[in-house]
C-alpha atoms as a PDB file:
ATOM      1  CA  UNK A   1      -2.304-116.305 162.531  1.00  0.00           C
ATOM      2  CA  UNK A   2      -0.182-118.917 164.263  1.00  0.00           C
ATOM      3  CA  UNK A   3       3.554-118.271 164.632  1.00  0.00           C
ATOM      4  CA  UNK A   4       5.933-120.981 163.403  1.00  0.00           C
ATOM      5  CA  UNK A   5       9.698-121.102 163.833  1.00  0.00           C
ATOM      6  CA  UNK A   6      11.696-122.920 161.186  1.00  0.00           C
ATOM      7  CA  UNK A   7      15.490-122.969 161.468  1.00  0.00           C
ATOM      8  CA  UNK A   8      17.164-123.794 158.162  1.00  0.00           C
ATOM      9  CA  UNK A   9      20.620-122.678 159.278  1.00  0.00           C
ATOM     10  CA  UNK A  10      21.589-125.983 160.828  1.00  0.00           C
ATOM     11  CA  UNK A  11      20.086-128.334 158.246  1.00  0.00           C
ATOM     12  CA  UNK A  12      18.700-128.037 154.733  1.00  0.00           C
ATOM     13  CA  UNK A  13      15.133-129.290 154.692  1.00  0.00           C
ATOM     14  CA  UNK A  14      13.240-129.108 151.413  1.00  0.00           C
ATOM     15  CA  UNK A  15       9.886-129.944 153.036  1.00  0.00           C
ATOM     16  CA  UNK A  16      10.211-127.001 155.414  1.00  0.00           C
ATOM     17  CA  UNK A  17      11.133-124.720 152.508  1.00  0.00           C
ATOM     18  CA  UNK A  18       8.028-125.906 150.637  1.00  0.00           C
ATOM     19  CA  UNK A  19       5.941-125.239 153.754  1.00  0.00           C
ATOM     20  CA  UNK A  20       7.206-121.655 153.990  1.00  0.00           C
ATOM     21  CA  UNK A  21       6.651-121.145 150.249  1.00  0.00           C
ATOM     22  CA  UNK A  22       3.055-122.320 150.648  1.00  0.00           C
ATOM     23  CA  UNK A  23       2.579-119.935 153.572  1.00  0.00           C
ATOM     24  CA  UNK A  24       3.730-117.059 151.345  1.00  0.00           C
ATOM     25  CA  UNK A  25       1.356-118.161 148.581  1.00  0.00           C
ATOM     26  CA  UNK A  26      -1.426-118.244 151.200  1.00  0.00           C
ATOM     27  CA  UNK A  27      -0.795-114.585 152.104  1.00  0.00           C
ATOM     28  CA  UNK A  28       1.135-115.156 155.315  1.00  0.00           C
ATOM     29  CA  UNK A  29       4.122-113.074 156.421  1.00  0.00           C
ATOM     30  CA  UNK A  30       7.588-114.588 156.793  1.00  0.00           C
ATOM     31  CA  UNK A  31      10.352-113.111 158.941  1.00  0.00           C
ATOM     32  CA  UNK A  32      13.954-113.863 157.967  1.00  0.00           C
ATOM     33  CA  UNK A  33      17.432-112.651 158.956  1.00  0.00           C
ATOM     34  CA  UNK A  34      19.375-110.274 156.705  1.00  0.00           C
ATOM     35  CA  UNK A  35      22.886-108.790 156.837  1.00  0.00           C
ATOM     36  CA  UNK A  36      21.650-106.058 159.145  1.00  0.00           C
ATOM     37  CA  UNK A  37      18.580-107.019 161.168  1.00  0.00           C
ATOM     38  CA  UNK A  38      15.565-108.827 159.761  1.00  0.00           C
ATOM     39  CA  UNK A  39      13.268-108.826 156.775  1.00  0.00           C
ATOM     40  CA  UNK A  40       9.545-109.317 156.497  1.00  0.00           C
ATOM     41  CA  UNK A  41       8.526-111.150 153.366  1.00  0.00           C
ATOM     42  CA  UNK A  42       5.192-111.772 151.691  1.00  0.00           C
ATOM     43  CA  UNK A  43       3.681-112.276 148.274  1.00  0.00           C
ATOM     44  CA  UNK A  44       4.097-108.879 146.592  1.00  0.00           C
ATOM     45  CA  UNK A  45       1.103-109.649 144.356  1.00  0.00           C
ATOM     46  CA  UNK A  46      -1.217-110.113 147.354  1.00  0.00           C
ATOM     47  CA  UNK A  47      -2.633-106.753 148.490  1.00  0.00           C
ATOM     48  CA  UNK A  48      -3.711-108.039 151.915  1.00  0.00           C
ATOM     49  CA  UNK A  49      -0.275-109.548 152.587  1.00  0.00           C
ATOM     50  CA  UNK A  50       1.431-106.275 151.640  1.00  0.00           C
ATOM     51  CA  UNK A  51      -0.915-104.302 153.899  1.00  0.00           C
ATOM     52  CA  UNK A  52       0.018-106.688 156.720  1.00  0.00           C
ATOM     53  CA  UNK A  53       3.708-105.842 156.209  1.00  0.00           C
ATOM     54  CA  UNK A  54       2.902-102.139 156.628  1.00  0.00           C
ATOM     55  CA  UNK A  55       0.871-102.954 159.741  1.00  0.00           C
ATOM     56  CA  UNK A  56       3.539-105.239 161.256  1.00  0.00           C
ATOM     57  CA  UNK A  57       6.284-102.659 160.726  1.00  0.00           C
ATOM     58  CA  UNK A  58       4.183 -99.630 161.643  1.00  0.00           C
ATOM     59  CA  UNK A  59       5.219 -98.279 158.237  1.00  0.00           C
ATOM     60  CA  UNK A  60       3.439 -95.316 156.663  1.00  0.00           C
ATOM     61  CA  UNK A  61       1.679 -95.972 153.378  1.00  0.00           C
ATOM     62  CA  UNK A  62       3.841 -93.640 151.288  1.00  0.00           C
ATOM     63  CA  UNK A  63       7.063 -95.534 152.144  1.00  0.00           C
ATOM     64  CA  UNK A  64       7.219 -98.224 149.421  1.00  0.00           C
ATOM     65  CA  UNK A  65       8.214-101.847 149.872  1.00  0.00           C
ATOM     66  CA  UNK A  66      11.051-103.563 148.015  1.00  0.00           C
ATOM     67  CA  UNK A  67      10.044-106.345 145.640  1.00  0.00           C
ATOM     68  CA  UNK A  68      12.646-108.991 144.824  1.00  0.00           C
ATOM     69  CA  UNK A  69      12.365-110.633 141.415  1.00  0.00           C
ATOM     70  CA  UNK A  70      14.218-113.508 139.764  1.00  0.00           C
ATOM     71  CA  UNK A  71      14.027-112.610 136.065  1.00  0.00           C
ATOM     72  CA  UNK A  72      12.596-110.229 133.452  1.00  0.00           C
ATOM     73  CA  UNK A  73       9.375-112.219 133.144  1.00  0.00           C
ATOM     74  CA  UNK A  74       8.690-111.622 136.817  1.00  0.00           C
ATOM     75  CA  UNK A  75       9.500-107.928 136.348  1.00  0.00           C
ATOM     76  CA  UNK A  76       6.808-107.705 133.676  1.00  0.00           C
ATOM     77  CA  UNK A  77       4.326-109.395 136.032  1.00  0.00           C
ATOM     78  CA  UNK A  78       5.026-106.887 138.803  1.00  0.00           C
END
């Protein structure tokens, strides 16, 4: 896996956002800042990507991940 750095803080760039979205769809991990420290994001419907989050964080398997959804339809899918 090759590391990429994309800074969207200084300029909005739709092409870069599409690139990151495609990375997520491809099972890659994405690191992003939060109010406290950082977040690790991935496609919650991709088992391998989720396992990579546990591996990257050194997180035990019985400590669940948070899944962000945008609407009730997505809730039903999850």
